[in-house]
């Protein structure tokens, strides 16, 4: 959706610049630009419909933990199941506003800034992304339980894992 808003802004800016330079406004250009706004609204409506499907999700016969993610534009709470019983809620978070902007620019496929909150029973677990070094390949997260630091997790990027094309994560809890 953000791409469509940026496209509308760029076309409209180009039309205004053209008006100041040449002195003409093309109505067809403005009409084409407005189509990107209409498309953004349609995408928002579709994302809302998919969000309602996520809320109505009931898993198949399984005893594993499961969650249903259909859309990534709206970061609404999603039910978390163990078997067929809803145990909690999952929600994607961003620690800074510009993280949300970057994530929406690459359509929810950003490997960075992954932070989320799990509510299971009376406990609320928050997993917050943190950057230890600017150019490091390792990502790390702080894990909070009910607002108190509960543990840490980090990816392990070393030569052995890179050669074998494996990824691993190390975590400490408590």
N, C-alpha and C. Protein backbone atom coordinates (compact mmCIF):
# COMPACT_ATOMS: atom_id res chain seq x y z
N UNK A 1 0.81 -1.19 0.00
CA UNK A 1 0.00 0.00 0.00
C UNK A 1 0.86 1.26 0.00
N UNK A 2 1.95 1.22 0.74
CA UNK A 2 2.82 2.40 0.81
C UNK A 2 3.40 2.73 -0.56
N UNK A 3 3.67 1.71 -1.36
CA UNK A 3 4.18 1.95 -2.71
C UNK A 3 3.19 2.77 -3.53
N UNK A 4 1.91 2.47 -3.37
CA UNK A 4 0.90 3.19 -4.14
C UNK A 4 0.78 4.64 -3.70
N UNK A 5 0.90 4.89 -2.40
CA UNK A 5 0.87 6.27 -1.92
C UNK A 5 2.09 7.04 -2.43
N UNK A 6 3.25 6.42 -2.43
CA UNK A 6 4.46 7.07 -2.94
C UNK A 6 4.32 7.35 -4.44
N UNK A 7 3.76 6.38 -5.18
CA UNK A 7 3.55 6.58 -6.61
C UNK A 7 2.61 7.76 -6.86
N UNK A 8 1.53 7.85 -6.10
CA UNK A 8 0.60 8.97 -6.24
C UNK A 8 1.31 10.30 -5.97
N UNK A 9 2.09 10.34 -4.90
CA UNK A 9 2.80 11.57 -4.56
C UNK A 9 3.79 11.97 -5.65
N UNK A 10 4.52 11.00 -6.21
CA UNK A 10 5.49 11.31 -7.26
C UNK A 10 4.81 11.82 -8.53
N UNK A 11 3.72 11.18 -8.93
CA UNK A 11 3.02 11.63 -10.14
C UNK A 11 2.43 13.01 -9.93
N UNK A 12 1.85 13.24 -8.76
CA UNK A 12 1.26 14.54 -8.47
C UNK A 12 2.35 15.62 -8.40
N UNK A 13 3.50 15.30 -7.82
CA UNK A 13 4.62 16.26 -7.77
C UNK A 13 5.11 16.57 -9.18
N UNK A 14 5.23 15.56 -10.01
CA UNK A 14 5.64 15.79 -11.40
C UNK A 14 4.66 16.65 -12.16
N UNK A 15 3.38 16.48 -11.90
CA UNK A 15 2.35 17.28 -12.55
C UNK A 15 2.44 18.74 -12.11
N UNK A 16 2.69 18.96 -10.82
CA UNK A 16 2.82 20.33 -10.31
C UNK A 16 4.07 21.00 -10.89
N UNK A 17 5.19 20.28 -10.94
CA UNK A 17 6.41 20.83 -11.52
C UNK A 17 6.19 21.16 -13.00
N UNK A 18 5.49 20.30 -13.70
CA UNK A 18 5.20 20.54 -15.12
C UNK A 18 4.35 21.80 -15.28
N UNK A 19 3.41 21.99 -14.36
CA UNK A 19 2.58 23.19 -14.43
C UNK A 19 3.42 24.45 -14.25
N UNK A 20 4.38 24.44 -13.31
CA UNK A 20 5.21 25.61 -13.10
C UNK A 20 6.19 25.85 -14.24
N UNK A 21 6.64 24.80 -14.91
CA UNK A 21 7.60 24.95 -16.01
C UNK A 21 6.91 25.28 -17.33
N UNK A 22 5.92 24.47 -17.71
CA UNK A 22 5.27 24.61 -19.01
C UNK A 22 3.99 25.45 -18.91
N UNK A 23 3.32 25.38 -17.78
CA UNK A 23 2.06 26.11 -17.62
C UNK A 23 0.85 25.30 -18.03
N UNK A 24 1.00 23.97 -18.13
CA UNK A 24 -0.12 23.11 -18.51
C UNK A 24 -0.34 22.04 -17.45
N UNK A 25 -1.58 21.69 -17.27
CA UNK A 25 -1.94 20.56 -16.39
C UNK A 25 -2.64 19.53 -17.25
N UNK A 26 -2.19 18.29 -17.14
CA UNK A 26 -2.86 17.19 -17.84
C UNK A 26 -3.79 16.49 -16.87
N UNK A 27 -5.05 16.55 -17.17
CA UNK A 27 -6.06 15.93 -16.31
C UNK A 27 -5.92 14.41 -16.33
N UNK A 28 -5.52 13.86 -17.46
CA UNK A 28 -5.38 12.39 -17.54
C UNK A 28 -4.29 11.89 -16.58
N UNK A 29 -3.24 12.67 -16.41
CA UNK A 29 -2.18 12.28 -15.48
C UNK A 29 -2.69 12.25 -14.06
N UNK A 30 -3.48 13.25 -13.69
CA UNK A 30 -4.05 13.29 -12.34
C UNK A 30 -5.05 12.14 -12.16
N UNK A 31 -5.80 11.81 -13.18
CA UNK A 31 -6.75 10.69 -13.10
C UNK A 31 -6.00 9.36 -12.93
N UNK A 32 -4.91 9.19 -13.65
CA UNK A 32 -4.11 7.98 -13.51
C UNK A 32 -3.50 7.90 -12.12
N UNK A 33 -3.04 9.03 -11.60
CA UNK A 33 -2.48 9.05 -10.25
C UNK A 33 -3.54 8.68 -9.21
N UNK A 34 -4.77 9.14 -9.42
CA UNK A 34 -5.82 8.83 -8.45
C UNK A 34 -6.18 7.34 -8.47
N UNK A 35 -5.89 6.64 -9.56
CA UNK A 35 -6.13 5.20 -9.59
C UNK A 35 -5.24 4.48 -8.57
N UNK A 36 -4.04 5.01 -8.32
CA UNK A 36 -3.19 4.38 -7.31
C UNK A 36 -3.79 4.54 -5.92
N UNK A 37 -4.47 5.65 -5.65
CA UNK A 37 -5.16 5.81 -4.37
C UNK A 37 -6.31 4.83 -4.24
N UNK A 38 -7.06 4.65 -5.33
CA UNK A 38 -8.16 3.68 -5.32
C UNK A 38 -7.63 2.27 -5.07
N UNK A 39 -6.52 1.94 -5.72
CA UNK A 39 -5.92 0.61 -5.52
C UNK A 39 -5.46 0.43 -4.08
N UNK A 40 -4.92 1.49 -3.46
CA UNK A 40 -4.50 1.40 -2.06
C UNK A 40 -5.70 1.14 -1.14
N UNK A 41 -6.81 1.78 -1.41
CA UNK A 41 -8.02 1.57 -0.60
C UNK A 41 -8.53 0.14 -0.78
N UNK A 42 -8.51 -0.35 -2.01
CA UNK A 42 -8.94 -1.74 -2.28
C UNK A 42 -8.04 -2.72 -1.54
N UNK A 43 -6.73 -2.49 -1.57
CA UNK A 43 -5.81 -3.36 -0.84
C UNK A 43 -6.08 -3.33 0.66
N UNK A 44 -6.40 -2.18 1.20
CA UNK A 44 -6.73 -2.06 2.62
C UNK A 44 -7.98 -2.86 2.96
N UNK A 45 -8.99 -2.79 2.10
CA UNK A 45 -10.23 -3.56 2.33
C UNK A 45 -9.95 -5.05 2.27
N UNK A 46 -9.14 -5.48 1.30
CA UNK A 46 -8.79 -6.90 1.20
C UNK A 46 -8.01 -7.35 2.44
N UNK A 47 -7.09 -6.52 2.91
CA UNK A 47 -6.32 -6.85 4.12
C UNK A 47 -7.24 -6.97 5.33
N UNK A 48 -8.26 -6.12 5.43
CA UNK A 48 -9.23 -6.24 6.52
C UNK A 48 -10.02 -7.54 6.45
N UNK A 49 -10.42 -7.94 5.25
CA UNK A 49 -11.15 -9.21 5.08
C UNK A 49 -10.27 -10.38 5.48
N UNK A 50 -9.00 -10.36 5.06
CA UNK A 50 -8.07 -11.44 5.44
C UNK A 50 -7.80 -11.43 6.94
N UNK A 51 -7.79 -10.25 7.54
CA UNK A 51 -7.59 -10.15 8.98
C UNK A 51 -8.76 -10.80 9.73
N UNK A 52 -9.96 -10.62 9.23
CA UNK A 52 -11.13 -11.27 9.86
C UNK A 52 -11.08 -12.78 9.71
N UNK A 53 -10.53 -13.26 8.57
CA UNK A 53 -10.35 -14.71 8.40
C UNK A 53 -9.33 -15.25 9.40
N UNK A 54 -8.29 -14.47 9.66
CA UNK A 54 -7.30 -14.89 10.65
C UNK A 54 -7.93 -15.01 12.04
N UNK A 55 -8.80 -14.08 12.37
CA UNK A 55 -9.44 -14.10 13.69
C UNK A 55 -10.39 -15.28 13.83
N UNK A 56 -10.97 -15.73 12.72
CA UNK A 56 -11.92 -16.84 12.76
C UNK A 56 -11.25 -18.20 12.56
N UNK A 57 -9.94 -18.24 12.50
CA UNK A 57 -9.20 -19.48 12.23
C UNK A 57 -9.38 -20.50 13.35
N UNK A 58 -9.66 -21.73 12.95
CA UNK A 58 -9.68 -22.87 13.86
C UNK A 58 -8.82 -23.95 13.20
N UNK A 59 -7.78 -24.42 13.90
CA UNK A 59 -6.85 -25.37 13.26
C UNK A 59 -7.47 -26.74 13.03
N UNK A 60 -6.82 -27.48 12.14
CA UNK A 60 -7.22 -28.87 11.88
C UNK A 60 -6.83 -29.73 13.09
N UNK A 61 -7.16 -31.00 13.02
CA UNK A 61 -6.82 -31.90 14.12
C UNK A 61 -5.32 -32.05 14.25
N UNK A 62 -4.76 -31.33 15.18
CA UNK A 62 -3.34 -31.40 15.45
C UNK A 62 -3.11 -31.07 16.91
N UNK A 63 -2.05 -31.58 17.47
CA UNK A 63 -1.73 -31.29 18.86
C UNK A 63 -0.61 -30.27 18.98
N UNK A 64 -0.14 -29.75 17.84
CA UNK A 64 0.96 -28.80 17.83
C UNK A 64 0.45 -27.38 18.05
N UNK A 65 1.38 -26.48 18.31
CA UNK A 65 1.07 -25.06 18.38
C UNK A 65 0.86 -24.56 16.96
N UNK A 66 -0.12 -23.70 16.74
CA UNK A 66 -0.36 -23.19 15.39
C UNK A 66 -0.89 -21.76 15.44
N UNK A 67 -0.61 -21.08 14.35
CA UNK A 67 -1.08 -19.71 14.15
C UNK A 67 -1.34 -19.54 12.67
N UNK A 68 -2.23 -18.66 12.30
CA UNK A 68 -2.63 -18.50 10.91
C UNK A 68 -2.32 -17.06 10.49
N UNK A 69 -1.42 -16.89 9.53
CA UNK A 69 -1.05 -15.56 9.06
C UNK A 69 -1.37 -15.47 7.57
N UNK A 70 -2.39 -14.67 7.23
CA UNK A 70 -2.78 -14.48 5.84
C UNK A 70 -2.25 -13.17 5.27
N UNK A 71 -2.24 -12.14 6.06
CA UNK A 71 -1.84 -10.83 5.57
C UNK A 71 -0.79 -10.23 6.49
N UNK A 72 0.03 -9.35 5.91
CA UNK A 72 1.12 -8.75 6.69
C UNK A 72 1.06 -7.24 6.72
N UNK A 73 0.03 -6.64 6.11
CA UNK A 73 -0.09 -5.19 6.12
C UNK A 73 -0.57 -4.69 7.47
N UNK A 74 -1.62 -5.30 7.98
CA UNK A 74 -2.19 -4.89 9.25
C UNK A 74 -1.62 -5.80 10.33
N UNK A 75 -1.13 -5.21 11.38
CA UNK A 75 -0.51 -6.00 12.44
C UNK A 75 -1.51 -6.18 13.59
N UNK A 76 -2.60 -6.87 13.25
CA UNK A 76 -3.64 -7.13 14.24
C UNK A 76 -3.27 -8.36 15.05
N UNK A 77 -3.80 -8.49 16.27
CA UNK A 77 -3.53 -9.69 17.06
C UNK A 77 -4.09 -10.94 16.38
N UNK A 78 -3.31 -12.02 16.42
CA UNK A 78 -3.72 -13.28 15.78
C UNK A 78 -3.81 -14.36 16.86
N UNK A 79 -4.86 -15.17 16.83
CA UNK A 79 -5.01 -16.20 17.86
C UNK A 79 -3.95 -17.29 17.75
N UNK A 80 -3.50 -17.76 18.90
CA UNK A 80 -2.48 -18.80 19.02
C UNK A 80 -3.13 -20.03 19.62
N UNK A 81 -3.00 -21.16 18.93
CA UNK A 81 -3.68 -22.39 19.34
C UNK A 81 -2.68 -23.48 19.71
N UNK A 82 -3.08 -24.31 20.65
CA UNK A 82 -2.42 -25.60 20.90
C UNK A 82 -3.51 -26.63 20.71
N UNK A 83 -3.38 -27.39 19.64
CA UNK A 83 -4.47 -28.27 19.25
C UNK A 83 -5.62 -27.42 18.75
N UNK A 84 -6.81 -27.64 19.27
CA UNK A 84 -7.97 -26.83 18.87
C UNK A 84 -8.32 -25.78 19.92
N UNK A 85 -7.54 -25.72 20.98
CA UNK A 85 -7.83 -24.79 22.06
C UNK A 85 -6.99 -23.53 21.91
N UNK A 86 -7.65 -22.38 21.98
CA UNK A 86 -6.91 -21.13 21.89
C UNK A 86 -6.21 -20.87 23.21
N UNK A 87 -4.88 -20.77 23.14
CA UNK A 87 -4.07 -20.58 24.34
C UNK A 87 -3.64 -19.14 24.54
N UNK A 88 -3.64 -18.35 23.46
CA UNK A 88 -3.17 -16.99 23.60
C UNK A 88 -3.32 -16.20 22.33
N UNK A 89 -2.54 -15.11 22.27
CA UNK A 89 -2.60 -14.19 21.14
C UNK A 89 -1.18 -13.80 20.75
N UNK A 90 -0.94 -13.69 19.45
CA UNK A 90 0.34 -13.26 18.89
C UNK A 90 0.14 -11.93 18.18
N UNK A 91 1.08 -10.99 18.35
CA UNK A 91 1.00 -9.73 17.63
C UNK A 91 2.39 -9.23 17.29
N UNK A 92 2.59 -8.84 16.05
CA UNK A 92 3.85 -8.28 15.58
C UNK A 92 3.98 -6.85 16.07
N UNK A 93 5.16 -6.47 16.51
CA UNK A 93 5.41 -5.13 17.03
C UNK A 93 6.60 -4.49 16.34
N UNK A 94 6.70 -3.20 16.44
CA UNK A 94 7.86 -2.45 15.98
C UNK A 94 8.29 -1.54 17.11
N UNK A 95 9.57 -1.59 17.46
CA UNK A 95 10.05 -0.78 18.58
C UNK A 95 10.15 0.70 18.21
N UNK A 96 10.32 1.00 16.93
CA UNK A 96 10.39 2.39 16.46
C UNK A 96 9.48 2.54 15.25
N UNK A 97 8.94 3.73 15.06
CA UNK A 97 8.01 3.95 13.95
C UNK A 97 8.66 3.75 12.58
N UNK A 98 9.92 4.13 12.45
CA UNK A 98 10.55 4.00 11.15
C UNK A 98 10.77 2.54 10.79
N UNK A 99 10.80 1.63 11.77
CA UNK A 99 10.88 0.20 11.47
C UNK A 99 9.63 -0.24 10.71
N UNK A 100 8.47 0.26 11.11
CA UNK A 100 7.21 -0.08 10.43
C UNK A 100 7.24 0.43 8.99
N UNK A 101 7.77 1.62 8.77
CA UNK A 101 7.83 2.19 7.43
C UNK A 101 8.73 1.34 6.53
N UNK A 102 9.90 0.97 7.02
CA UNK A 102 10.82 0.14 6.24
C UNK A 102 10.18 -1.21 5.95
N UNK A 103 9.53 -1.80 6.94
CA UNK A 103 8.89 -3.10 6.76
C UNK A 103 7.77 -3.02 5.73
N UNK A 104 6.98 -1.96 5.75
CA UNK A 104 5.90 -1.86 4.77
C UNK A 104 6.43 -1.55 3.38
N UNK A 105 7.60 -0.92 3.29
CA UNK A 105 8.19 -0.66 1.97
C UNK A 105 8.61 -1.96 1.29
N UNK A 106 9.05 -2.94 2.07
CA UNK A 106 9.42 -4.22 1.47
C UNK A 106 8.39 -5.29 1.78
N UNK A 107 7.14 -4.84 1.97
CA UNK A 107 5.95 -5.68 2.03
C UNK A 107 6.01 -6.77 3.08
N UNK A 108 6.46 -6.44 4.28
CA UNK A 108 6.44 -7.40 5.37
C UNK A 108 7.47 -8.50 5.28
N UNK A 109 8.44 -8.36 4.39
CA UNK A 109 9.44 -9.41 4.23
C UNK A 109 10.78 -9.01 4.83
N UNK A 110 10.76 -8.01 5.69
CA UNK A 110 12.01 -7.55 6.30
C UNK A 110 12.49 -8.55 7.34
N UNK A 111 13.72 -9.02 7.21
CA UNK A 111 14.24 -9.92 8.24
C UNK A 111 14.63 -9.17 9.50
N UNK A 112 14.70 -7.84 9.42
CA UNK A 112 15.11 -7.05 10.56
C UNK A 112 13.88 -6.59 11.31
N UNK A 113 14.12 -6.08 12.47
CA UNK A 113 13.11 -5.45 13.30
C UNK A 113 12.01 -6.41 13.73
N UNK A 114 12.29 -7.70 13.73
CA UNK A 114 11.25 -8.65 14.14
C UNK A 114 11.08 -8.59 15.65
N UNK A 115 9.98 -8.05 16.06
CA UNK A 115 9.60 -8.00 17.47
C UNK A 115 8.15 -8.42 17.55
N UNK A 116 7.81 -9.14 18.59
CA UNK A 116 6.42 -9.57 18.72
C UNK A 116 6.07 -9.77 20.19
N UNK A 117 4.77 -9.90 20.43
CA UNK A 117 4.26 -10.11 21.77
C UNK A 117 3.37 -11.35 21.76
N UNK A 118 3.60 -12.23 22.72
CA UNK A 118 2.77 -13.41 22.92
C UNK A 118 2.06 -13.28 24.26
N UNK A 119 0.77 -13.44 24.24
CA UNK A 119 0.01 -13.48 25.49
C UNK A 119 -0.49 -14.91 25.64
N UNK A 120 0.01 -15.59 26.66
CA UNK A 120 -0.40 -16.97 26.93
C UNK A 120 -0.86 -17.02 28.38
N UNK A 121 -2.14 -17.25 28.55
CA UNK A 121 -2.70 -17.25 29.90
C UNK A 121 -2.56 -15.88 30.53
N UNK A 122 -2.01 -15.82 31.74
CA UNK A 122 -1.81 -14.55 32.43
C UNK A 122 -0.45 -13.93 32.12
N UNK A 123 0.38 -14.62 31.37
CA UNK A 123 1.73 -14.15 31.07
C UNK A 123 1.79 -13.46 29.72
N UNK A 124 2.55 -12.37 29.67
CA UNK A 124 2.78 -11.65 28.42
C UNK A 124 4.28 -11.68 28.14
N UNK A 125 4.64 -12.30 27.02
CA UNK A 125 6.04 -12.39 26.61
C UNK A 125 6.26 -11.40 25.47
N UNK A 126 7.26 -10.55 25.62
CA UNK A 126 7.62 -9.61 24.57
C UNK A 126 9.02 -9.96 24.08
N UNK A 127 9.15 -10.12 22.79
CA UNK A 127 10.45 -10.41 22.18
C UNK A 127 10.80 -9.18 21.35
N UNK A 128 11.85 -8.46 21.78
CA UNK A 128 12.22 -7.21 21.13
C UNK A 128 13.58 -7.32 20.46
N UNK A 129 13.62 -6.93 19.20
CA UNK A 129 14.85 -6.97 18.42
C UNK A 129 15.79 -5.90 18.92
N UNK A 130 17.09 -6.22 18.97
CA UNK A 130 18.10 -5.23 19.32
C UNK A 130 19.30 -5.40 18.42
N UNK A 131 19.95 -4.31 18.14
CA UNK A 131 21.14 -4.33 17.30
C UNK A 131 22.35 -4.20 18.21
N UNK A 132 23.22 -5.23 18.18
CA UNK A 132 24.44 -5.16 18.98
C UNK A 132 25.54 -4.42 18.24
N UNK A 133 25.75 -4.77 16.97
CA UNK A 133 26.77 -4.11 16.15
C UNK A 133 26.13 -3.71 14.84
N UNK A 134 26.57 -2.60 14.27
CA UNK A 134 25.94 -2.06 13.08
C UNK A 134 26.05 -2.98 11.87
N UNK A 135 27.22 -3.53 11.61
CA UNK A 135 27.41 -4.34 10.40
C UNK A 135 27.54 -5.83 10.69
N UNK A 136 27.03 -6.28 11.82
CA UNK A 136 27.13 -7.69 12.17
C UNK A 136 26.04 -8.50 11.47
N UNK A 137 26.35 -9.77 11.18
CA UNK A 137 25.35 -10.66 10.60
C UNK A 137 24.48 -11.32 11.67
N UNK A 138 24.86 -11.18 12.91
CA UNK A 138 24.09 -11.77 14.00
C UNK A 138 22.95 -10.84 14.41
N UNK A 139 21.79 -11.40 14.58
CA UNK A 139 20.64 -10.66 15.10
C UNK A 139 20.43 -11.12 16.53
N UNK A 140 19.93 -10.23 17.37
CA UNK A 140 19.68 -10.63 18.76
C UNK A 140 18.38 -10.01 19.25
N UNK A 141 17.78 -10.68 20.22
CA UNK A 141 16.50 -10.27 20.77
C UNK A 141 16.55 -10.36 22.29
N UNK A 142 15.83 -9.47 22.94
CA UNK A 142 15.63 -9.52 24.38
C UNK A 142 14.23 -10.05 24.62
N UNK A 143 14.10 -10.97 25.58
CA UNK A 143 12.81 -11.59 25.88
C UNK A 143 12.36 -11.12 27.25
N UNK A 144 11.17 -10.54 27.29
CA UNK A 144 10.60 -10.05 28.54
C UNK A 144 9.38 -10.89 28.90
N UNK A 145 9.24 -11.18 30.18
CA UNK A 145 8.06 -11.87 30.67
C UNK A 145 7.39 -10.95 31.68
N UNK A 146 6.19 -10.51 31.36
CA UNK A 146 5.43 -9.58 32.19
C UNK A 146 6.22 -8.32 32.51
N UNK A 147 6.97 -7.82 31.53
CA UNK A 147 7.71 -6.57 31.68
C UNK A 147 9.10 -6.70 32.27
N UNK A 148 9.49 -7.88 32.73
CA UNK A 148 10.82 -8.08 33.31
C UNK A 148 11.68 -8.91 32.36
N UNK A 149 12.97 -8.57 32.31
CA UNK A 149 13.88 -9.30 31.42
C UNK A 149 13.91 -10.78 31.81
N UNK A 150 13.62 -11.63 30.84
CA UNK A 150 13.48 -13.06 31.08
C UNK A 150 14.58 -13.86 30.39
N UNK A 151 15.08 -13.34 29.27
CA UNK A 151 16.12 -14.07 28.55
C UNK A 151 16.59 -13.32 27.33
N UNK A 152 17.50 -13.96 26.60
CA UNK A 152 18.06 -13.41 25.37
C UNK A 152 18.10 -14.51 24.32
N UNK A 153 18.03 -14.09 23.07
CA UNK A 153 18.19 -15.02 21.95
C UNK A 153 19.02 -14.32 20.89
N UNK A 154 19.81 -15.09 20.16
CA UNK A 154 20.65 -14.52 19.11
C UNK A 154 20.93 -15.57 18.05
N UNK A 155 21.05 -15.12 16.82
CA UNK A 155 21.46 -16.02 15.76
C UNK A 155 22.95 -16.27 15.89
N UNK A 156 23.39 -17.45 15.47
CA UNK A 156 24.80 -17.79 15.52
C UNK A 156 25.30 -17.85 14.08
N UNK A 157 26.09 -16.85 13.71
CA UNK A 157 26.64 -16.80 12.37
C UNK A 157 28.14 -16.96 12.49
N UNK A 158 28.61 -18.11 12.05
CA UNK A 158 30.06 -18.34 12.05
C UNK A 158 30.44 -19.05 10.76
N UNK A 159 31.71 -19.26 10.55
CA UNK A 159 32.20 -19.83 9.30
C UNK A 159 31.69 -21.26 9.10
N UNK A 160 31.63 -22.04 10.16
CA UNK A 160 31.17 -23.43 10.05
C UNK A 160 29.72 -23.48 9.57
N UNK A 161 28.87 -22.69 10.16
CA UNK A 161 27.46 -22.67 9.74
C UNK A 161 27.31 -22.13 8.32
N UNK A 162 28.11 -21.13 7.96
CA UNK A 162 28.02 -20.56 6.62
C UNK A 162 28.43 -21.56 5.55
N UNK A 163 29.48 -22.35 5.83
CA UNK A 163 29.95 -23.35 4.87
C UNK A 163 28.91 -24.45 4.66
N UNK A 164 28.26 -24.86 5.73
CA UNK A 164 27.26 -25.92 5.65
C UNK A 164 25.87 -25.40 5.33
N UNK A 165 25.74 -24.09 5.09
CA UNK A 165 24.46 -23.45 4.78
C UNK A 165 23.42 -23.74 5.86
N UNK A 166 23.82 -23.66 7.10
CA UNK A 166 22.92 -23.90 8.22
C UNK A 166 22.74 -22.61 9.00
N UNK A 167 21.61 -22.50 9.61
CA UNK A 167 21.35 -21.38 10.50
C UNK A 167 21.05 -21.94 11.88
N UNK A 168 21.51 -21.25 12.89
CA UNK A 168 21.18 -21.69 14.25
C UNK A 168 20.94 -20.47 15.13
N UNK A 169 20.29 -20.73 16.23
CA UNK A 169 19.95 -19.68 17.17
C UNK A 169 20.26 -20.17 18.57
N UNK A 170 20.84 -19.30 19.38
CA UNK A 170 21.16 -19.65 20.75
C UNK A 170 20.29 -18.78 21.66
N UNK A 171 19.71 -19.39 22.67
CA UNK A 171 18.87 -18.63 23.59
C UNK A 171 19.13 -19.02 25.03
N UNK A 172 18.93 -18.05 25.92
CA UNK A 172 19.02 -18.31 27.35
C UNK A 172 17.76 -17.75 27.99
N UNK A 173 17.16 -18.54 28.83
CA UNK A 173 15.93 -18.12 29.52
C UNK A 173 16.17 -18.22 31.02
N UNK A 174 15.54 -17.30 31.76
CA UNK A 174 15.63 -17.34 33.21
C UNK A 174 16.91 -16.71 33.71
